[in-house]
Amino acid sequence: MAWLAKHIRIWRSVALLLLLVALVIGPWVYDEISVPAEFPCEAPFVRLEGDFCGVPLHGPWIVFALGSQFILTITGLVTGKLALAESGRQLAISLAGFLALLPVVSTLLMIFRGDRRWLQLFHIVALCLAGGLMLWAFSATRELRVIRLWGPWFYTGVVLGESILEFLMFAQRRVPDQAR
């Protein structure tokens, strides 16, 4: 435990690097097109199921798509072209996508702002929310092809691992305070 406390900035930096690798390099979703099964899928497309091929899309594309959707939905609400009932699902999906980026921000804050108690609690909550969101997304997906998308799996593993380390650090700091 003392080793963790001594090298806290190093393992947080490694966790941040791994989160960025999962977000930027890892494929997260497929952009699907219909290609009859008798025709091959040309690179970069891969055969998914039946009559569908897909090209893997990475995190920056998803962030751009979610950001664009969020802006379009808010603009539609402000101008009156969309009703709140129509756009509620779009807003929820956009906000959930941004919630997945929260551990990156909170890890950066923990590296550069130090170990303030409130910041550590915010970081733990951000990790738990993002991990819970990812686990919920996995449970809601019934398709086997999601297994080939290693970005979300790697991201979830890093978030869960980092949350365990942060819980250990949080618990270690509480012990001396209770002894007084």
C-alpha atoms as a PDB file:
ATOM      1  CA  MET A   1       0.000   0.000   0.000  1.00  0.00           C
ATOM      2  CA  ALA A   2       2.873   2.359   0.729  1.00  0.00           C
ATOM      3  CA  TRP A   3       4.214   1.761  -2.766  1.00  0.00           C
ATOM      4  CA  LEU A   4       0.887   2.906  -4.237  1.00  0.00           C
ATOM      5  CA  ALA A   5       0.913   6.080  -2.178  1.00  0.00           C
ATOM      6  CA  LYS A   6       4.533   6.812  -3.085  1.00  0.00           C
ATOM      7  CA  HIS A   7       3.999   6.364  -6.833  1.00  0.00           C
ATOM      8  CA  ILE A   8       0.488   7.761  -7.032  1.00  0.00           C
ATOM      9  CA  ARG A   9       1.191  10.252  -9.834  1.00  0.00           C
ATOM     10  CA  ILE A  10       2.896   7.575 -11.911  1.00  0.00           C
ATOM     11  CA  TRP A  11       0.045   5.067 -11.812  1.00  0.00           C
ATOM     12  CA  ARG A  12      -2.526   7.811 -12.376  1.00  0.00           C
ATOM     13  CA  SER A  13      -0.526   8.955 -15.408  1.00  0.00           C
ATOM     14  CA  VAL A  14      -0.403   5.381 -16.689  1.00  0.00           C
ATOM     15  CA  ALA A  15      -4.155   5.049 -16.145  1.00  0.00           C
ATOM     16  CA  LEU A  16      -4.723   8.303 -18.051  1.00  0.00           C
ATOM     17  CA  LEU A  17      -2.561   7.077 -20.906  1.00  0.00           C
ATOM     18  CA  LEU A  18      -4.465   3.776 -21.032  1.00  0.00           C
ATOM     19  CA  LEU A  19      -7.817   5.595 -20.992  1.00  0.00           C
ATOM     20  CA  LEU A  20      -6.686   7.742 -23.905  1.00  0.00           C
ATOM     21  CA  VAL A  21      -5.455   4.675 -25.817  1.00  0.00           C
ATOM     22  CA  ALA A  22      -8.852   3.013 -25.325  1.00  0.00           C
ATOM     23  CA  LEU A  23     -10.712   6.152 -26.388  1.00  0.00           C
ATOM     24  CA  VAL A  24      -8.576   7.189 -29.348  1.00  0.00           C
ATOM     25  CA  ILE A  25      -7.221   3.962 -30.828  1.00  0.00           C
ATOM     26  CA  GLY A  26      -9.747   1.346 -29.801  1.00  0.00           C
ATOM     27  CA  PRO A  27     -12.701   0.672 -32.084  1.00  0.00           C
ATOM     28  CA  TRP A  28     -15.983   1.454 -30.303  1.00  0.00           C
ATOM     29  CA  VAL A  29     -18.787   0.923 -32.815  1.00  0.00           C
ATOM     30  CA  TYR A  30     -19.303  -0.235 -36.382  1.00  0.00           C
ATOM     31  CA  ASP A  31     -20.648   1.938 -39.151  1.00  0.00           C
ATOM     32  CA  GLU A  32     -22.804  -0.674 -40.855  1.00  0.00           C
ATOM     33  CA  ILE A  33     -23.694  -1.029 -44.497  1.00  0.00           C
ATOM     34  CA  SER A  34     -25.787  -3.682 -46.162  1.00  0.00           C
ATOM     35  CA  VAL A  35     -23.736  -6.038 -48.341  1.00  0.00           C
ATOM     36  CA  PRO A  36     -25.366  -9.298 -49.413  1.00  0.00           C
ATOM     37  CA  ALA A  37     -23.609 -12.350 -47.989  1.00  0.00           C
ATOM     38  CA  GLU A  38     -22.500 -13.601 -51.411  1.00  0.00           C
ATOM     39  CA  PHE A  39     -20.284 -10.509 -51.852  1.00  0.00           C
ATOM     40  CA  PRO A  40     -17.083 -10.046 -49.845  1.00  0.00           C
ATOM     41  CA  CYS A  41     -16.433  -7.104 -47.583  1.00  0.00           C
ATOM     42  CA  GLU A  42     -13.493  -5.043 -48.803  1.00  0.00           C
ATOM     43  CA  ALA A  43     -10.996  -3.586 -46.314  1.00  0.00           C
ATOM     44  CA  PRO A  44     -11.447  -1.633 -44.040  1.00  0.00           C
ATOM     45  CA  PHE A  45     -14.914  -3.204 -43.744  1.00  0.00           C
ATOM     46  CA  VAL A  46     -15.371  -6.485 -41.896  1.00  0.00           C
ATOM     47  CA  ARG A  47     -18.217  -8.978 -42.162  1.00  0.00           C
ATOM     48  CA  LEU A  48     -20.494  -8.585 -39.160  1.00  0.00           C
ATOM     49  CA  GLU A  49     -23.579 -10.762 -39.410  1.00  0.00           C
ATOM     50  CA  GLY A  50     -25.658 -11.908 -42.323  1.00  0.00           C
ATOM     51  CA  ASP A  51     -25.884  -9.191 -44.944  1.00  0.00           C
ATOM     52  CA  PHE A  52     -23.961  -6.524 -43.055  1.00  0.00           C
ATOM     53  CA  CYS A  53     -20.415  -5.237 -43.196  1.00  0.00           C
ATOM     54  CA  GLY A  54     -19.020  -2.520 -40.994  1.00  0.00           C
ATOM     55  CA  VAL A  55     -16.055  -0.275 -40.574  1.00  0.00           C
ATOM     56  CA  PRO A  56     -14.853   0.168 -36.978  1.00  0.00           C
ATOM     57  CA  LEU A  57     -15.133   3.724 -35.666  1.00  0.00           C
ATOM     58  CA  HIS A  58     -12.860   5.122 -32.991  1.00  0.00           C
ATOM     59  CA  GLY A  59     -13.480   7.367 -30.000  1.00  0.00           C
ATOM     60  CA  PRO A  60     -12.829  10.766 -31.615  1.00  0.00           C
ATOM     61  CA  TRP A  61     -15.529  10.068 -34.191  1.00  0.00           C
ATOM     62  CA  ILE A  62     -17.972   9.157 -31.427  1.00  0.00           C
ATOM     63  CA  VAL A  63     -17.138  12.302 -29.416  1.00  0.00           C
ATOM     64  CA  PHE A  64     -17.669  14.409 -32.552  1.00  0.00           C
ATOM     65  CA  ALA A  65     -20.965  12.653 -33.329  1.00  0.00           C
ATOM     66  CA  LEU A  66     -22.249  12.994 -29.748  1.00  0.00           C
ATOM     67  CA  GLY A  67     -21.183  16.630 -29.573  1.00  0.00           C
ATOM     68  CA  SER A  68     -22.851  17.410 -32.888  1.00  0.00           C
ATOM     69  CA  GLN A  69     -26.039  15.632 -31.830  1.00  0.00           C
ATOM     70  CA  PHE A  70     -26.063  17.483 -28.511  1.00  0.00           C
ATOM     71  CA  ILE A  71     -25.639  20.875 -30.215  1.00  0.00           C
ATOM     72  CA  LEU A  72     -28.313  20.088 -32.817  1.00  0.00           C
ATOM     73  CA  THR A  73     -30.746  18.934 -30.137  1.00  0.00           C
ATOM     74  CA  ILE A  74     -30.180  21.985 -27.916  1.00  0.00           C
ATOM     75  CA  THR A  75     -30.510  24.250 -30.959  1.00  0.00           C
ATOM     76  CA  GLY A  76     -33.756  22.516 -31.908  1.00  0.00           C
ATOM     77  CA  LEU A  77     -35.107  22.958 -28.390  1.00  0.00           C
ATOM     78  CA  VAL A  78     -34.166  26.637 -28.227  1.00  0.00           C
ATOM     79  CA  THR A  79     -35.620  27.455 -31.642  1.00  0.00           C
ATOM     80  CA  GLY A  80     -38.759  25.433 -30.953  1.00  0.00           C
ATOM     81  CA  LYS A  81     -38.255  22.968 -33.817  1.00  0.00           C
ATOM     82  CA  LEU A  82     -38.022  20.064 -31.365  1.00  0.00           C
ATOM     83  CA  ALA A  83     -40.182  19.247 -28.363  1.00  0.00           C
ATOM     84  CA  LEU A  84     -38.554  18.080 -25.161  1.00  0.00           C
ATOM     85  CA  ALA A  85     -40.392  14.768 -25.406  1.00  0.00           C
ATOM     86  CA  GLU A  86     -38.919  14.151 -28.865  1.00  0.00           C
ATOM     87  CA  SER A  87     -35.386  15.053 -27.947  1.00  0.00           C
ATOM     88  CA  GLY A  88     -35.135  13.580 -24.448  1.00  0.00           C
ATOM     89  CA  ARG A  89     -33.579  10.328 -25.654  1.00  0.00           C
ATOM     90  CA  GLN A  90     -31.062  12.152 -27.853  1.00  0.00           C
ATOM     91  CA  LEU A  91     -30.038  14.376 -24.940  1.00  0.00           C
ATOM     92  CA  ALA A  92     -29.719  11.381 -22.613  1.00  0.00           C
ATOM     93  CA  ILE A  93     -27.479   9.513 -25.069  1.00  0.00           C
ATOM     94  CA  SER A  94     -25.292  12.579 -25.612  1.00  0.00           C
ATOM     95  CA  LEU A  95     -24.940  13.236 -21.906  1.00  0.00           C
ATOM     96  CA  ALA A  96     -24.176   9.565 -21.214  1.00  0.00           C
ATOM     97  CA  GLY A  97     -21.452   9.696 -23.862  1.00  0.00           C
ATOM     98  CA  PHE A  98     -19.929  12.743 -22.212  1.00  0.00           C
ATOM     99  CA  LEU A  99     -20.149  10.946 -18.861  1.00  0.00           C
ATOM    100  CA  ALA A 100     -17.750   8.368 -20.282  1.00  0.00           C
ATOM    101  CA  LEU A 101     -15.204  11.177 -20.764  1.00  0.00           C
ATOM    102  CA  LEU A 102     -15.456  12.277 -17.133  1.00  0.00           C
ATOM    103  CA  PRO A 103     -12.755   9.870 -15.830  1.00  0.00           C
ATOM    104  CA  VAL A 104     -10.247  11.417 -18.234  1.00  0.00           C
ATOM    105  CA  VAL A 105     -10.978  14.875 -16.846  1.00  0.00           C
ATOM    106  CA  SER A 106     -10.997  13.740 -13.224  1.00  0.00           C
ATOM    107  CA  THR A 107      -7.742  11.800 -13.663  1.00  0.00           C
ATOM    108  CA  LEU A 108      -6.112  14.892 -15.150  1.00  0.00           C
ATOM    109  CA  LEU A 109      -7.329  16.923 -12.179  1.00  0.00           C
ATOM    110  CA  MET A 110      -5.980  14.329  -9.740  1.00  0.00           C
ATOM    111  CA  ILE A 111      -2.573  14.362 -11.428  1.00  0.00           C
ATOM    112  CA  PHE A 112      -2.187  18.136 -11.559  1.00  0.00           C
ATOM    113  CA  ARG A 113      -4.251  19.393  -8.607  1.00  0.00           C
ATOM    114  CA  GLY A 114      -3.168  16.871  -6.007  1.00  0.00           C
ATOM    115  CA  ASP A 115      -5.031  14.746  -3.534  1.00  0.00           C
ATOM    116  CA  ARG A 116      -7.661  17.045  -2.132  1.00  0.00           C
ATOM    117  CA  ARG A 117     -10.377  15.082  -0.371  1.00  0.00           C
ATOM    118  CA  TRP A 118     -13.289  16.522  -2.399  1.00  0.00           C
ATOM    119  CA  LEU A 119     -11.408  15.973  -5.641  1.00  0.00           C
ATOM    120  CA  GLN A 120     -10.682  12.369  -4.743  1.00  0.00           C
ATOM    121  CA  LEU A 121     -14.369  11.787  -3.988  1.00  0.00           C
ATOM    122  CA  PHE A 122     -15.320  13.429  -7.302  1.00  0.00           C
ATOM    123  CA  HIS A 123     -12.802  11.189  -9.069  1.00  0.00           C
ATOM    124  CA  ILE A 124     -14.163   8.030  -7.439  1.00  0.00           C
ATOM    125  CA  VAL A 125     -17.744   9.021  -8.316  1.00  0.00           C
ATOM    126  CA  ALA A 126     -16.713   9.776 -11.924  1.00  0.00           C
ATOM    127  CA  LEU A 127     -15.003   6.387 -12.214  1.00  0.00           C
ATOM    128  CA  CYS A 128     -17.992   4.549 -10.739  1.00  0.00           C
ATOM    129  CA  LEU A 129     -20.467   6.363 -12.982  1.00  0.00           C
ATOM    130  CA  ALA A 130     -18.416   5.680 -16.117  1.00  0.00           C
ATOM    131  CA  GLY A 131     -17.816   2.053 -15.138  1.00  0.00           C
ATOM    132  CA  GLY A 132     -21.497   1.564 -14.368  1.00  0.00           C
ATOM    133  CA  LEU A 133     -22.467   3.180 -17.661  1.00  0.00           C
ATOM    134  CA  MET A 134     -20.146   0.878 -19.590  1.00  0.00           C
ATOM    135  CA  LEU A 135     -21.359  -2.237 -17.760  1.00  0.00           C
ATOM    136  CA  TRP A 136     -24.965  -1.196 -18.390  1.00  0.00           C
ATOM    137  CA  ALA A 137     -24.184  -0.677 -22.094  1.00  0.00           C
ATOM    138  CA  PHE A 138     -22.633  -4.163 -22.278  1.00  0.00           C
ATOM    139  CA  SER A 139     -25.647  -5.728 -20.591  1.00  0.00           C
ATOM    140  CA  ALA A 140     -28.039  -3.910 -22.943  1.00  0.00           C
ATOM    141  CA  THR A 141     -26.222  -5.194 -26.029  1.00  0.00           C
ATOM    142  CA  ARG A 142     -27.190  -8.671 -27.130  1.00  0.00           C
ATOM    143  CA  GLU A 143     -25.029  -8.803 -30.211  1.00  0.00           C
ATOM    144  CA  LEU A 144     -21.903 -10.941 -30.167  1.00  0.00           C
ATOM    145  CA  ARG A 145     -20.034  -8.634 -32.515  1.00  0.00           C
ATOM    146  CA  VAL A 146     -19.504  -6.157 -29.671  1.00  0.00           C
ATOM    147  CA  ILE A 147     -16.826  -8.539 -28.387  1.00  0.00           C
ATOM    148  CA  ARG A 148     -14.635  -7.605 -31.367  1.00  0.00           C
ATOM    149  CA  LEU A 149     -14.769  -3.957 -30.334  1.00  0.00           C
ATOM    150  CA  TRP A 150     -11.921  -3.851 -27.844  1.00  0.00           C
ATOM    151  CA  GLY A 151     -12.120  -0.108 -27.108  1.00  0.00           C
ATOM    152  CA  PRO A 152     -15.050  -0.239 -24.666  1.00  0.00           C
ATOM    153  CA  TRP A 153     -13.767  -3.422 -23.012  1.00  0.00           C
ATOM    154  CA  PHE A 154     -10.297  -1.971 -22.491  1.00  0.00           C
ATOM    155  CA  TYR A 155     -11.754   1.326 -21.264  1.00  0.00           C
ATOM    156  CA  THR A 156     -14.000  -0.476 -18.773  1.00  0.00           C
ATOM    157  CA  GLY A 157     -11.095  -2.544 -17.482  1.00  0.00           C
ATOM    158  CA  VAL A 158      -8.961   0.558 -16.944  1.00  0.00           C
ATOM    159  CA  VAL A 159     -11.820   2.409 -15.228  1.00  0.00           C
ATOM    160  CA  LEU A 160     -12.545  -0.530 -12.916  1.00  0.00           C
ATOM    161  CA  GLY A 161      -8.849  -1.011 -12.127  1.00  0.00           C
ATOM    162  CA  GLU A 162      -8.356   2.676 -11.436  1.00  0.00           C
ATOM    163  CA  SER A 163     -11.444   2.787  -9.216  1.00  0.00           C
ATOM    164  CA  ILE A 164     -10.096  -0.100  -7.125  1.00  0.00           C
ATOM    165  CA  LEU A 165      -6.772   1.714  -6.667  1.00  0.00           C
ATOM    166  CA  GLU A 166      -8.554   4.953  -5.760  1.00  0.00           C
ATOM    167  CA  PHE A 167     -10.743   3.133  -3.217  1.00  0.00           C
ATOM    168  CA  LEU A 168      -7.583   1.681  -1.661  1.00  0.00           C
ATOM    169  CA  MET A 169      -5.964   5.113  -1.486  1.00  0.00           C
ATOM    170  CA  PHE A 170      -9.135   6.630  -0.032  1.00  0.00           C
ATOM    171  CA  ALA A 171      -9.365   3.893   2.613  1.00  0.00           C
ATOM    172  CA  GLN A 172      -5.688   4.255   3.497  1.00  0.00           C
ATOM    173  CA  ARG A 173      -6.124   7.974   4.144  1.00  0.00           C
ATOM    174  CA  ARG A 174      -9.140   7.388   6.401  1.00  0.00           C
ATOM    175  CA  VAL A 175      -7.304   5.038   8.762  1.00  0.00           C
ATOM    176  CA  PRO A 176      -4.878   7.613  10.253  1.00  0.00           C
ATOM    177  CA  ASP A 177      -7.714  10.146  10.627  1.00  0.00           C
ATOM    178  CA  GLN A 178      -9.810   7.707  12.676  1.00  0.00           C
ATOM    179  CA  ALA A 179      -6.894   6.835  14.973  1.00  0.00           C
ATOM    180  CA  ARG A 180      -6.776  10.384  16.398  1.00  0.00           C
END
